[in-house]
PDB file of N, CA and C in Angstrom:
ATOM      1  N   MET A   1     -11.367  13.589  -6.705  1.00  0.00           N
ATOM      2  CA  MET A   1     -10.867  12.908  -5.765  1.00  0.00           C
ATOM      3  C   MET A   1     -10.130  11.644  -5.179  1.00  0.00           C
ATOM      4  N   PRO A   2      -8.281  12.063  -5.355  1.00  0.00           N
ATOM      5  CA  PRO A   2      -8.124  11.060  -5.775  1.00  0.00           C
ATOM      6  C   PRO A   2      -8.748   9.716  -3.665  1.00  0.00           C
ATOM      7  N   LYS A   3      -8.188   8.632  -4.323  1.00  0.00           N
ATOM      8  CA  LYS A   3      -7.743   7.955  -3.259  1.00  0.00           C
ATOM      9  C   LYS A   3      -7.180   8.088  -2.596  1.00  0.00           C
ATOM     10  N   VAL A   4      -5.785   8.069  -1.815  1.00  0.00           N
ATOM     11  CA  VAL A   4      -5.026   8.037  -0.955  1.00  0.00           C
ATOM     12  C   VAL A   4      -4.027   6.599  -0.798  1.00  0.00           C
ATOM     13  N   LEU A   5      -4.942   6.079   0.262  1.00  0.00           N
ATOM     14  CA  LEU A   5      -4.656   4.658   0.390  1.00  0.00           C
ATOM     15  C   LEU A   5      -5.686   3.683   0.081  1.00  0.00           C
ATOM     16  N   MET A   6      -5.339   2.233   0.235  1.00  0.00           N
ATOM     17  CA  MET A   6      -6.533   1.071   0.424  1.00  0.00           C
ATOM     18  C   MET A   6      -7.160   1.530   1.180  1.00  0.00           C
ATOM     19  N   ASP A   7      -8.981   1.218   0.795  1.00  0.00           N
ATOM     20  CA  ASP A   7     -10.479   0.925   1.527  1.00  0.00           C
ATOM     21  C   ASP A   7      -9.586   0.295   2.789  1.00  0.00           C
ATOM     22  N   TYR A   8     -10.494   0.705   4.298  1.00  0.00           N
ATOM     23  CA  TYR A   8      -9.490  -0.022   5.739  1.00  0.00           C
ATOM     24  C   TYR A   8     -10.478  -0.660   6.508  1.00  0.00           C
ATOM     25  N   LEU A   9     -11.339  -1.843   6.717  1.00  0.00           N
ATOM     26  CA  LEU A   9     -12.116  -1.097   7.691  1.00  0.00           C
ATOM     27  C   LEU A   9     -13.292  -0.931   6.803  1.00  0.00           C
ATOM     28  N   GLY A  10     -13.635  -0.479   6.152  1.00  0.00           N
ATOM     29  CA  GLY A  10     -14.775  -0.098   5.526  1.00  0.00           C
ATOM     30  C   GLY A  10     -14.861   1.276   4.989  1.00  0.00           C
ATOM     31  N   LEU A  11     -13.733   1.827   5.276  1.00  0.00           N
ATOM     32  CA  LEU A  11     -13.374   3.481   5.652  1.00  0.00           C
ATOM     33  C   LEU A  11     -12.916   3.917   4.293  1.00  0.00           C
ATOM     34  N   VAL A  12     -12.159   4.994   3.751  1.00  0.00           N
ATOM     35  CA  VAL A  12     -12.613   5.165   2.383  1.00  0.00           C
ATOM     36  C   VAL A  12     -11.475   6.552   3.070  1.00  0.00           C
ATOM     37  N   PHE A  13     -10.268   6.313   2.977  1.00  0.00           N
ATOM     38  CA  PHE A  13      -9.018   7.241   2.749  1.00  0.00           C
ATOM     39  C   PHE A  13      -9.190   8.279   1.590  1.00  0.00           C
ATOM     40  N   PHE A  14      -9.437   9.693   2.033  1.00  0.00           N
ATOM     41  CA  PHE A  14      -8.804  10.321   0.291  1.00  0.00           C
ATOM     42  C   PHE A  14      -8.631  12.387   0.302  1.00  0.00           C
ATOM     43  N   PHE A  15      -8.496  12.611  -0.818  1.00  0.00           N
ATOM     44  CA  PHE A  15      -8.655  14.279  -0.638  1.00  0.00           C
ATOM     45  C   PHE A  15      -9.346  14.442  -1.397  1.00  0.00           C
ATOM     46  N   TRP A  16      -9.869  15.585  -1.436  1.00  0.00           N
ATOM     47  CA  TRP A  16     -10.315  16.771  -2.919  1.00  0.00           C
ATOM     48  C   TRP A  16      -9.675  17.358  -3.449  1.00  0.00           C
ATOM     49  N   SER A  17     -10.086  17.040  -4.637  1.00  0.00           N
ATOM     50  CA  SER A  17      -8.926  17.732  -5.767  1.00  0.00           C
ATOM     51  C   SER A  17      -8.917  19.075  -5.901  1.00  0.00           C
ATOM     52  N   ASN A  18     -10.211  19.308  -5.404  1.00  0.00           N
ATOM     53  CA  ASN A  18      -9.795  21.344  -5.349  1.00  0.00           C
ATOM     54  C   ASN A  18      -9.483  21.942  -4.443  1.00  0.00           C
ATOM     55  N   GLU A  19      -9.188  20.901  -3.199  1.00  0.00           N
ATOM     56  CA  GLU A  19      -8.361  21.734  -1.782  1.00  0.00           C
ATOM     57  C   GLU A  19      -7.361  22.161  -1.379  1.00  0.00           C
ATOM     58  N   PHE A  20      -6.162  22.191  -2.523  1.00  0.00           N
ATOM     59  CA  PHE A  20      -5.530  22.784  -2.189  1.00  0.00           C
ATOM     60  C   PHE A  20      -4.603  24.014  -3.355  1.00  0.00           C
ATOM     61  N   SER A  21      -4.421  25.161  -2.531  1.00  0.00           N
ATOM     62  CA  SER A  21      -3.826  25.774  -3.373  1.00  0.00           C
ATOM     63  C   SER A  21      -2.174  27.134  -2.473  1.00  0.00           C
ATOM     64  N   GLY A  22      -0.991  27.599  -2.978  1.00  0.00           N
ATOM     65  CA  GLY A  22      -0.295  27.669  -3.144  1.00  0.00           C
ATOM     66  C   GLY A  22      -0.212  28.741  -1.618  1.00  0.00           C
ATOM     67  N   ASN A  23      -1.270  29.221  -1.601  1.00  0.00           N
ATOM     68  CA  ASN A  23      -1.155  29.733  -0.209  1.00  0.00           C
ATOM     69  C   ASN A  23      -2.004  29.344   1.305  1.00  0.00           C
ATOM     70  N   ARG A  24      -2.130  28.168   1.404  1.00  0.00           N
ATOM     71  CA  ARG A  24      -2.454  26.229   1.972  1.00  0.00           C
ATOM     72  C   ARG A  24      -2.578  27.170   3.213  1.00  0.00           C
ATOM     73  N   LEU A  25      -4.208  27.014   3.411  1.00  0.00           N
ATOM     74  CA  LEU A  25      -4.022  27.301   4.813  1.00  0.00           C
ATOM     75  C   LEU A  25      -4.751  26.398   5.714  1.00  0.00           C
ATOM     76  N   GLU A  26      -4.985  25.497   5.693  1.00  0.00           N
ATOM     77  CA  GLU A  26      -5.110  24.176   6.207  1.00  0.00           C
ATOM     78  C   GLU A  26      -3.696  23.009   6.614  1.00  0.00           C
ATOM     79  N   PRO A  27      -3.281  22.957   7.105  1.00  0.00           N
ATOM     80  CA  PRO A  27      -1.876  21.591   7.646  1.00  0.00           C
ATOM     81  C   PRO A  27      -2.740  20.261   6.489  1.00  0.00           C
ATOM     82  N   ILE A  28      -2.200  19.528   5.498  1.00  0.00           N
ATOM     83  CA  ILE A  28      -2.044  18.350   4.650  1.00  0.00           C
ATOM     84  C   ILE A  28      -3.321  17.877   5.990  1.00  0.00           C
ATOM     85  N   HIS A  29      -4.064  17.087   4.980  1.00  0.00           N
ATOM     86  CA  HIS A  29      -5.217  16.373   6.049  1.00  0.00           C
ATOM     87  C   HIS A  29      -5.904  15.847   4.467  1.00  0.00           C
ATOM     88  N   VAL A  30      -6.184  14.337   5.173  1.00  0.00           N
ATOM     89  CA  VAL A  30      -6.809  13.505   4.252  1.00  0.00           C
ATOM     90  C   VAL A  30      -8.707  12.526   5.220  1.00  0.00           C
ATOM     91  N   HIS A  31      -9.331  12.833   4.024  1.00  0.00           N
ATOM     92  CA  HIS A  31     -11.072  12.822   4.346  1.00  0.00           C
ATOM     93  C   HIS A  31     -11.047  11.072   4.468  1.00  0.00           C
ATOM     94  N   ILE A  32     -11.732  11.239   5.109  1.00  0.00           N
ATOM     95  CA  ILE A  32     -12.007   9.635   5.615  1.00  0.00           C
ATOM     96  C   ILE A  32     -14.499   9.350   5.949  1.00  0.00           C
ATOM     97  N   SER A  33     -14.289   8.554   4.823  1.00  0.00           N
ATOM     98  CA  SER A  33     -15.721   7.931   5.249  1.00  0.00           C
ATOM     99  C   SER A  33     -16.101   6.558   4.277  1.00  0.00           C
ATOM    100  N   ARG A  34     -17.691   6.717   5.296  1.00  0.00           N
ATOM    101  CA  ARG A  34     -17.908   4.654   5.167  1.00  0.00           C
ATOM    102  C   ARG A  34     -18.781   4.170   3.416  1.00  0.00           C
ATOM    103  N   GLY A  35     -17.846   3.071   3.321  1.00  0.00           N
ATOM    104  CA  GLY A  35     -17.897   2.786   2.497  1.00  0.00           C
ATOM    105  C   GLY A  35     -17.362   3.666   1.174  1.00  0.00           C
ATOM    106  N   LYS A  36     -17.793   5.339   0.550  1.00  0.00           N
ATOM    107  CA  LYS A  36     -17.059   5.124  -0.458  1.00  0.00           C
ATOM    108  C   LYS A  36     -16.712   7.110   0.031  1.00  0.00           C
ATOM    109  N   GLN A  37     -16.234   7.769  -1.165  1.00  0.00           N
ATOM    110  CA  GLN A  37     -15.864   9.092  -0.570  1.00  0.00           C
ATOM    111  C   GLN A  37     -17.374  10.208  -0.468  1.00  0.00           C
ATOM    112  N   GLU A  38     -18.198  10.853   0.314  1.00  0.00           N
ATOM    113  CA  GLU A  38     -18.726  11.581   0.538  1.00  0.00           C
ATOM    114  C   GLU A  38     -18.314  12.829   0.826  1.00  0.00           C
ATOM    115  N   GLN A  39     -19.626  14.832   0.571  1.00  0.00           N
ATOM    116  CA  GLN A  39     -19.145  15.446   1.466  1.00  0.00           C
ATOM    117  C   GLN A  39     -18.622  15.997   2.833  1.00  0.00           C
ATOM    118  N   ASN A  40     -19.647  15.313   2.875  1.00  0.00           N
ATOM    119  CA  ASN A  40     -19.497  14.942   4.616  1.00  0.00           C
ATOM    120  C   ASN A  40     -18.669  14.325   5.444  1.00  0.00           C
ATOM    121  N   ALA A  41     -17.661  14.419   5.082  1.00  0.00           N
ATOM    122  CA  ALA A  41     -16.541  13.560   6.047  1.00  0.00           C
ATOM    123  C   ALA A  41     -15.556  13.795   6.466  1.00  0.00           C
ATOM    124  N   THR A  42     -14.945  13.037   6.934  1.00  0.00           N
ATOM    125  CA  THR A  42     -14.413  13.183   7.970  1.00  0.00           C
ATOM    126  C   THR A  42     -13.357  13.819   7.803  1.00  0.00           C
ATOM    127  N   LYS A  43     -12.275  15.094   8.163  1.00  0.00           N
ATOM    128  CA  LYS A  43     -10.658  15.648   8.196  1.00  0.00           C
ATOM    129  C   LYS A  43      -9.542  15.407   9.406  1.00  0.00           C
ATOM    130  N   VAL A  44      -9.407  14.715   9.382  1.00  0.00           N
ATOM    131  CA  VAL A  44      -7.815  14.682   9.601  1.00  0.00           C
ATOM    132  C   VAL A  44      -7.156  15.167   9.620  1.00  0.00           C
ATOM    133  N   TRP A  45      -6.151  16.486   9.727  1.00  0.00           N
ATOM    134  CA  TRP A  45      -4.732  17.077   9.700  1.00  0.00           C
ATOM    135  C   TRP A  45      -3.803  16.731  10.534  1.00  0.00           C
ATOM    136  N   ILE A  46      -2.694  16.690   9.369  1.00  0.00           N
ATOM    137  CA  ILE A  46      -1.860  16.212   9.417  1.00  0.00           C
ATOM    138  C   ILE A  46      -0.547  17.832   9.862  1.00  0.00           C
ATOM    139  N   LYS A  47      -0.638  17.693  10.541  1.00  0.00           N
ATOM    140  CA  LYS A  47       0.637  19.060  11.090  1.00  0.00           C
ATOM    141  C   LYS A  47       1.383  18.697  11.169  1.00  0.00           C
ATOM    142  N   PRO A  48       2.189  19.695  10.887  1.00  0.00           N
ATOM    143  CA  PRO A  48       3.872  19.928  10.612  1.00  0.00           C
ATOM    144  C   PRO A  48       4.581  19.299  11.732  1.00  0.00           C
ATOM    145  N   ASP A  49       4.036  19.673  13.282  1.00  0.00           N
ATOM    146  CA  ASP A  49       5.028  18.024  14.103  1.00  0.00           C
ATOM    147  C   ASP A  49       5.003  16.977  13.983  1.00  0.00           C
ATOM    148  N   GLY A  50       4.191  16.474  13.387  1.00  0.00           N
ATOM    149  CA  GLY A  50       3.206  15.230  12.397  1.00  0.00           C
ATOM    150  C   GLY A  50       2.272  14.961  13.475  1.00  0.00           C
ATOM    151  N   SER A  51       1.800  15.184  13.876  1.00  0.00           N
ATOM    152  CA  SER A  51       0.700  15.023  15.045  1.00  0.00           C
ATOM    153  C   SER A  51      -0.332  15.059  14.320  1.00  0.00           C
ATOM    154  N   LEU A  52      -1.277  13.719  14.372  1.00  0.00           N
ATOM    155  CA  LEU A  52      -3.093  14.226  14.390  1.00  0.00           C
ATOM    156  C   LEU A  52      -3.947  14.947  14.957  1.00  0.00           C
ATOM    157  N   GLU A  53      -4.341  15.961  13.984  1.00  0.00           N
ATOM    158  CA  GLU A  53      -6.165  16.135  14.739  1.00  0.00           C
ATOM    159  C   GLU A  53      -6.890  15.648  13.999  1.00  0.00           C
ATOM    160  N   VAL A  54      -7.919  15.904  14.877  1.00  0.00           N
ATOM    161  CA  VAL A  54      -9.084  15.553  14.152  1.00  0.00           C
ATOM    162  C   VAL A  54      -9.778  16.960  13.512  1.00  0.00           C
ATOM    163  N   ALA A  55     -10.023  18.144  11.984  1.00  0.00           N
ATOM    164  CA  ALA A  55     -10.366  18.534  12.830  1.00  0.00           C
ATOM    165  C   ALA A  55     -11.948  18.619  12.766  1.00  0.00           C
ATOM    166  N   ASN A  56     -12.611  17.741  11.828  1.00  0.00           N
ATOM    167  CA  ASN A  56     -13.885  17.340  12.242  1.00  0.00           C
ATOM    168  C   ASN A  56     -14.043  15.949  12.062  1.00  0.00           C
ATOM    169  N   ASN A  57     -15.384  15.895  12.614  1.00  0.00           N
ATOM    170  CA  ASN A  57     -15.655  14.245  12.750  1.00  0.00           C
ATOM    171  C   ASN A  57     -16.837  14.444  12.021  1.00  0.00           C
ATOM    172  N   ASN A  58     -17.527  14.408  10.750  1.00  0.00           N
ATOM    173  CA  ASN A  58     -18.260  15.884   9.678  1.00  0.00           C
ATOM    174  C   ASN A  58     -19.539  14.134   9.266  1.00  0.00           C
ATOM    175  N   SER A  59     -18.473  12.985   9.511  1.00  0.00           N
ATOM    176  CA  SER A  59     -19.203  11.518   8.814  1.00  0.00           C
ATOM    177  C   SER A  59     -19.579  10.747  10.388  1.00  0.00           C
ATOM    178  N   CYS A  60     -19.859  11.235  10.836  1.00  0.00           N
ATOM    179  CA  CYS A  60     -19.918  10.585  12.529  1.00  0.00           C
ATOM    180  C   CYS A  60     -19.708   9.140  12.431  1.00  0.00           C
ATOM    181  N   LEU A  61     -18.383   8.818  12.452  1.00  0.00           N
ATOM    182  CA  LEU A  61     -16.906   7.664  12.533  1.00  0.00           C
ATOM    183  C   LEU A  61     -17.686   7.750  14.664  1.00  0.00           C
ATOM    184  N   SER A  62     -18.071   6.476  14.334  1.00  0.00           N
ATOM    185  CA  SER A  62     -18.161   5.931  16.169  1.00  0.00           C
ATOM    186  C   SER A  62     -16.324   6.151  16.260  1.00  0.00           C
ATOM    187  N   LYS A  63     -16.577   5.959  17.784  1.00  0.00           N
ATOM    188  CA  LYS A  63     -14.941   6.408  17.987  1.00  0.00           C
ATOM    189  C   LYS A  63     -14.103   4.764  18.331  1.00  0.00           C
ATOM    190  N   LYS A  64     -15.042   3.714  17.777  1.00  0.00           N
ATOM    191  CA  LYS A  64     -13.562   2.753  17.354  1.00  0.00           C
ATOM    192  C   LYS A  64     -13.914   2.896  16.154  1.00  0.00           C
ATOM    193  N   GLU A  65     -14.355   2.398  15.123  1.00  0.00           N
ATOM    194  CA  GLU A  65     -14.336   3.513  13.557  1.00  0.00           C
ATOM    195  C   GLU A  65     -12.710   4.337  13.603  1.00  0.00           C
ATOM    196  N   LEU A  66     -13.149   5.949  14.635  1.00  0.00           N
ATOM    197  CA  LEU A  66     -12.154   6.481  14.088  1.00  0.00           C
ATOM    198  C   LEU A  66     -10.805   6.024  14.658  1.00  0.00           C
ATOM    199  N   SER A  67     -11.033   5.645  15.886  1.00  0.00           N
ATOM    200  CA  SER A  67      -9.521   5.546  16.715  1.00  0.00           C
ATOM    201  C   SER A  67      -8.352   4.003  15.694  1.00  0.00           C
ATOM    202  N   ALA A  68      -9.393   3.668  14.913  1.00  0.00           N
ATOM    203  CA  ALA A  68      -8.800   2.588  13.967  1.00  0.00           C
ATOM    204  C   ALA A  68      -8.990   3.729  12.321  1.00  0.00           C
ATOM    205  N   ALA A  69      -8.925   4.834  12.277  1.00  0.00           N
ATOM    206  CA  ALA A  69      -9.190   5.015  11.471  1.00  0.00           C
ATOM    207  C   ALA A  69      -6.997   6.417  11.785  1.00  0.00           C
ATOM    208  N   LEU A  70      -7.540   6.758  13.151  1.00  0.00           N
ATOM    209  CA  LEU A  70      -6.837   7.775  12.833  1.00  0.00           C
ATOM    210  C   LEU A  70      -5.237   6.411  13.202  1.00  0.00           C
ATOM    211  N   GLU A  71      -5.093   5.728  14.013  1.00  0.00           N
ATOM    212  CA  GLU A  71      -4.652   4.239  14.116  1.00  0.00           C
ATOM    213  C   GLU A  71      -3.887   4.697  12.579  1.00  0.00           C
ATOM    214  N   TYR A  72      -4.523   3.698  11.438  1.00  0.00           N
ATOM    215  CA  TYR A  72      -4.422   4.036   9.952  1.00  0.00           C
ATOM    216  C   TYR A  72      -3.362   4.385   9.361  1.00  0.00           C
ATOM    217  N   ILE A  73      -3.632   5.764   9.643  1.00  0.00           N
ATOM    218  CA  ILE A  73      -3.796   7.306   9.124  1.00  0.00           C
ATOM    219  C   ILE A  73      -1.487   7.624   9.649  1.00  0.00           C
ATOM    220  N   GLU A  74      -1.891   7.382  11.011  1.00  0.00           N
ATOM    221  CA  GLU A  74      -0.603   7.141  11.380  1.00  0.00           C
ATOM    222  C   GLU A  74       0.554   6.165  11.983  1.00  0.00           C
ATOM    223  N   THR A  75       0.333   5.161  10.602  1.00  0.00           N
ATOM    224  CA  THR A  75       0.833   4.136  10.806  1.00  0.00           C
ATOM    225  C   THR A  75       1.559   4.517   9.049  1.00  0.00           C
ATOM    226  N   ASN A  76       0.640   5.025   8.130  1.00  0.00           N
ATOM    227  CA  ASN A  76       0.723   5.169   6.719  1.00  0.00           C
ATOM    228  C   ASN A  76       1.122   6.579   6.766  1.00  0.00           C
ATOM    229  N   LYS A  77       1.140   7.785   7.457  1.00  0.00           N
ATOM    230  CA  LYS A  77       1.273   9.647   7.168  1.00  0.00           C
ATOM    231  C   LYS A  77       2.312   9.867   6.882  1.00  0.00           C
ATOM    232  N   ASN A  78       3.770   9.287   6.642  1.00  0.00           N
ATOM    233  CA  ASN A  78       4.666   9.244   5.681  1.00  0.00           C
ATOM    234  C   ASN A  78       4.179   9.221   4.035  1.00  0.00           C
ATOM    235  N   ASP A  79       3.144   7.786   3.719  1.00  0.00           N
ATOM    236  CA  ASP A  79       2.870   7.845   2.481  1.00  0.00           C
ATOM    237  C   ASP A  79       1.925   8.743   1.717  1.00  0.00           C
ATOM    238  N   ILE A  80       0.465   9.543   3.016  1.00  0.00           N
ATOM    239  CA  ILE A  80      -0.149  10.474   2.583  1.00  0.00           C
ATOM    240  C   ILE A  80       0.838  11.498   2.130  1.00  0.00           C
ATOM    241  N   ILE A  81       1.540  11.969   3.135  1.00  0.00           N
ATOM    242  CA  ILE A  81       2.355  13.093   2.560  1.00  0.00           C
ATOM    243  C   ILE A  81       3.160  13.519   1.103  1.00  0.00           C
ATOM    244  N   ALA A  82       3.829  11.757   1.439  1.00  0.00           N
ATOM    245  CA  ALA A  82       3.897  12.001  -0.083  1.00  0.00           C
ATOM    246  C   ALA A  82       3.437  12.336  -1.498  1.00  0.00           C
ATOM    247  N   GLU A  83       1.870  11.251  -0.429  1.00  0.00           N
ATOM    248  CA  GLU A  83       0.776  11.599  -1.964  1.00  0.00           C
ATOM    249  C   GLU A  83       0.513  12.729  -2.445  1.00  0.00           C
ATOM    250  N   TRP A  84      -0.299  13.225  -1.320  1.00  0.00           N
ATOM    251  CA  TRP A  84      -0.588  14.548  -0.675  1.00  0.00           C
ATOM    252  C   TRP A  84       0.127  15.742  -1.500  1.00  0.00           C
ATOM    253  N   TYR A  85       2.009  15.432  -1.476  1.00  0.00           N
ATOM    254  CA  TYR A  85       2.494  17.057  -2.451  1.00  0.00           C
ATOM    255  C   TYR A  85       3.105  16.076  -3.915  1.00  0.00           C
ATOM    256  N   ARG A  86       2.547  14.379  -3.618  1.00  0.00           N
ATOM    257  CA  ARG A  86       2.762  14.246  -5.550  1.00  0.00           C
ATOM    258  C   ARG A  86       1.735  15.037  -6.376  1.00  0.00           C
ATOM    259  N   PHE A  87       1.034  14.215  -5.882  1.00  0.00           N
ATOM    260  CA  PHE A  87      -0.843  14.751  -6.188  1.00  0.00           C
ATOM    261  C   PHE A  87      -1.172  16.150  -6.577  1.00  0.00           C
ATOM    262  N   PHE A  88      -0.880  17.815  -5.634  1.00  0.00           N
ATOM    263  CA  PHE A  88      -1.373  18.452  -5.343  1.00  0.00           C
ATOM    264  C   PHE A  88       0.205  18.876  -6.306  1.00  0.00           C
ATOM    265  N   SER A  89       1.815  18.440  -5.510  1.00  0.00           N
ATOM    266  CA  SER A  89       2.618  19.251  -6.725  1.00  0.00           C
ATOM    267  C   SER A  89       2.063  19.547  -8.845  1.00  0.00           C
ATOM    268  N   PHE A  90       1.697  18.045  -8.576  1.00  0.00           N
ATOM    269  CA  PHE A  90       0.826  17.471 -10.436  1.00  0.00           C
ATOM    270  C   PHE A  90      -0.242  18.454 -10.537  1.00  0.00           C
ATOM    271  N   HIS A  91      -1.163  18.322  -9.811  1.00  0.00           N
ATOM    272  CA  HIS A  91      -2.107  19.233  -9.815  1.00  0.00           C
ATOM    273  C   HIS A  91      -1.954  21.020 -10.362  1.00  0.00           C
ATOM    274  N   GLU A  92      -0.972  21.750  -8.895  1.00  0.00           N
ATOM    275  CA  GLU A  92      -0.986  22.630  -9.479  1.00  0.00           C
ATOM    276  C   GLU A  92      -0.560  23.156 -10.823  1.00  0.00           C
ATOM    277  N   LEU A  93       0.572  22.099 -11.667  1.00  0.00           N
ATOM    278  CA  LEU A  93       0.948  22.236 -12.677  1.00  0.00           C
ATOM    279  C   LEU A  93       0.583  22.443 -13.648  1.00  0.00           C
ATOM    280  N   THR A  94      -1.191  21.641 -13.516  1.00  0.00           N
ATOM    281  CA  THR A  94      -1.479  20.406 -14.956  1.00  0.00           C
ATOM    282  C   THR A  94      -3.267  22.523 -15.178  1.00  0.00           C
ATOM    283  N   ASN A  95      -2.612  22.828 -14.297  1.00  0.00           N
ATOM    284  CA  ASN A  95      -3.805  24.067 -13.201  1.00  0.00           C
ATOM    285  C   ASN A  95      -3.020  25.635 -14.300  1.00  0.00           C
TER     286      ASN A  95
END
């Protein structure tokens, strides 16, 4: 479960290491939860056109928290995408 970026406003941004396969069904995405990585985390997709979509808000972030998280992802999406490919390329090679 690699963390993608630093914690921001008490929110943690991360990937689950078992979510990628060569036949990826979902867009690149990041999970968000308060304080620590949680199974029921909010999921935000970074779609191929670069837009963001909240896939779910399972961690029940407030509107203010979700807005801040989306702004943070938008600002850092190039780093998130690069980390996604770096991590999952390495992960696929080692499995």
